[in-house]
Amino acid sequence: MAKAAIRFAESALSDPESIRAWYAEQGVPDVGERLIGEIFTSIEALANHPDMGRIVPEFEQPFLRELIRPPFRLVYRRDPKHVRSCGSGAASACSTCRTKAHANGQSP
């Protein structure tokens, strides 16, 4: 099986900076840096193992999956040749994944 290409939704691109800033404000920037590293390691693993995340329970669609990295969940869409990272959030899907059309397999 060929590696899946990883693509990032615009909503996912600002997540690392937001995480970094929040942990810095809390006085533990090293925790934020470690968490961001773990998140990117998980995302990189999706290239070889795109089905490693569980199906997002509230949508029950096999192509809409998530990885749990407390206190965040990383929501992604699994397509035949690529994985689209929708973003991370504290116990909530990104705005793209919350739309009914996206959950039903249509492009946002």
Protein backbone atom coordinates (compact mmCIF):
# COMPACT_ATOMS: atom_id res chain seq x y z
CA MET A 1 0.00 0.00 0.00
CA ALA A 2 1.34 3.44 -0.97
CA LYS A 3 1.69 6.12 1.64
CA ALA A 4 -1.28 8.43 1.98
CA ALA A 5 -0.54 12.09 1.37
CA ILE A 6 -1.22 14.29 4.40
CA ARG A 7 -3.10 17.53 3.75
CA PHE A 8 -4.07 20.16 6.28
CA ALA A 9 -7.30 22.13 6.34
CA GLU A 10 -6.85 25.84 6.97
CA SER A 11 -8.47 25.38 10.37
CA ALA A 12 -5.66 22.99 11.33
CA LEU A 13 -2.82 25.32 10.41
CA SER A 14 -3.27 27.71 13.34
CA ASP A 15 -3.76 24.98 15.96
CA PRO A 16 -0.06 24.45 16.85
CA GLU A 17 0.49 28.16 17.47
CA SER A 18 -2.64 28.38 19.62
CA ILE A 19 -1.50 25.37 21.65
CA ARG A 20 2.01 26.79 22.01
CA ALA A 21 0.69 30.19 23.14
CA TRP A 22 -1.74 28.73 25.68
CA TYR A 23 0.88 26.57 27.37
CA ALA A 24 3.35 29.48 27.37
CA GLU A 25 0.73 31.64 29.11
CA GLN A 26 0.35 28.89 31.72
CA GLY A 27 4.08 29.05 32.37
CA VAL A 28 4.84 25.59 30.95
CA PRO A 29 6.01 26.18 27.38
CA ASP A 30 7.93 22.89 27.39
CA VAL A 31 4.65 20.99 27.85
CA GLY A 32 3.19 22.77 24.81
CA GLU A 33 6.26 21.99 22.71
CA ARG A 34 6.15 18.32 23.74
CA LEU A 35 2.41 18.08 22.97
CA ILE A 36 2.87 19.67 19.54
CA GLY A 37 5.67 17.18 18.80
CA GLU A 38 3.42 14.28 19.82
CA ILE A 39 0.59 15.62 17.66
CA PHE A 40 2.85 15.87 14.58
CA THR A 41 4.27 12.40 15.23
CA SER A 42 0.70 11.05 15.27
CA ILE A 43 -0.19 12.90 12.08
CA GLU A 44 2.94 11.63 10.32
CA ALA A 45 2.02 8.05 11.29
CA LEU A 46 -1.27 8.45 9.41
CA ALA A 47 0.66 8.37 6.11
CA ASN A 48 1.40 4.67 6.72
CA HIS A 49 -1.60 3.82 8.90
CA PRO A 50 -4.51 6.02 7.80
CA ASP A 51 -7.10 3.87 9.60
CA MET A 52 -5.37 3.94 12.98
CA GLY A 53 -7.85 6.44 14.40
CA ARG A 54 -11.32 5.52 15.49
CA ILE A 55 -14.44 6.55 13.62
CA VAL A 56 -15.83 9.82 15.00
CA PRO A 57 -18.72 8.52 17.14
CA GLU A 58 -21.13 11.39 16.56
CA PHE A 59 -21.01 10.97 12.77
CA GLU A 60 -20.48 7.19 12.39
CA GLN A 61 -18.91 7.62 8.95
CA PRO A 62 -15.93 5.32 8.25
CA PHE A 63 -13.94 8.03 6.46
CA LEU A 64 -14.22 10.58 9.31
CA ARG A 65 -11.77 9.52 12.00
CA GLU A 66 -10.04 10.84 15.09
CA LEU A 67 -6.98 10.29 17.21
CA ILE A 68 -7.22 11.13 20.90
CA ARG A 69 -4.20 12.94 22.33
CA PRO A 70 -5.48 14.32 25.66
CA PRO A 71 -6.66 16.94 26.12
CA PHE A 72 -7.17 17.13 22.34
CA ARG A 73 -8.64 15.05 19.61
CA LEU A 74 -7.24 15.19 16.10
CA VAL A 75 -10.02 14.88 13.56
CA TYR A 76 -9.17 13.80 10.04
CA ARG A 77 -10.86 12.67 6.88
CA ARG A 78 -9.60 9.45 5.34
CA ASP A 79 -9.87 9.43 1.55
CA PRO A 80 -8.47 6.71 -0.74
CA LYS A 81 -5.18 8.50 -1.51
CA HIS A 82 -4.83 11.11 1.20
CA VAL A 83 -5.59 12.08 4.76
CA ARG A 84 -6.91 15.55 5.50
CA SER A 85 -6.21 16.80 8.99
CA CYS A 86 -9.12 18.98 10.02
CA GLY A 87 -7.56 20.16 13.23
CA SER A 88 -7.35 19.56 16.91
CA GLY A 89 -9.67 20.71 19.59
CA ALA A 90 -10.38 20.11 23.21
CA ALA A 91 -13.18 17.54 22.90
CA SER A 92 -14.76 19.04 19.79
CA ALA A 93 -14.49 18.50 16.06
CA CYS A 94 -13.33 21.32 13.83
CA SER A 95 -15.91 23.53 12.16
CA THR A 96 -15.38 21.78 8.81
CA CYS A 97 -16.12 18.37 10.29
CA ARG A 98 -19.19 19.58 12.14
CA THR A 99 -21.04 20.31 8.92
CA LYS A 100 -23.55 17.71 7.81
CA ALA A 101 -22.37 17.77 4.18
CA HIS A 102 -18.79 17.02 5.22
CA ALA A 103 -19.92 14.20 7.51
CA ASN A 104 -21.89 12.68 4.64
CA GLY A 105 -18.83 12.52 2.38
CA GLN A 106 -19.36 15.71 0.40
CA SER A 107 -16.65 18.33 0.04
CA PRO A 108 -16.92 21.28 2.41
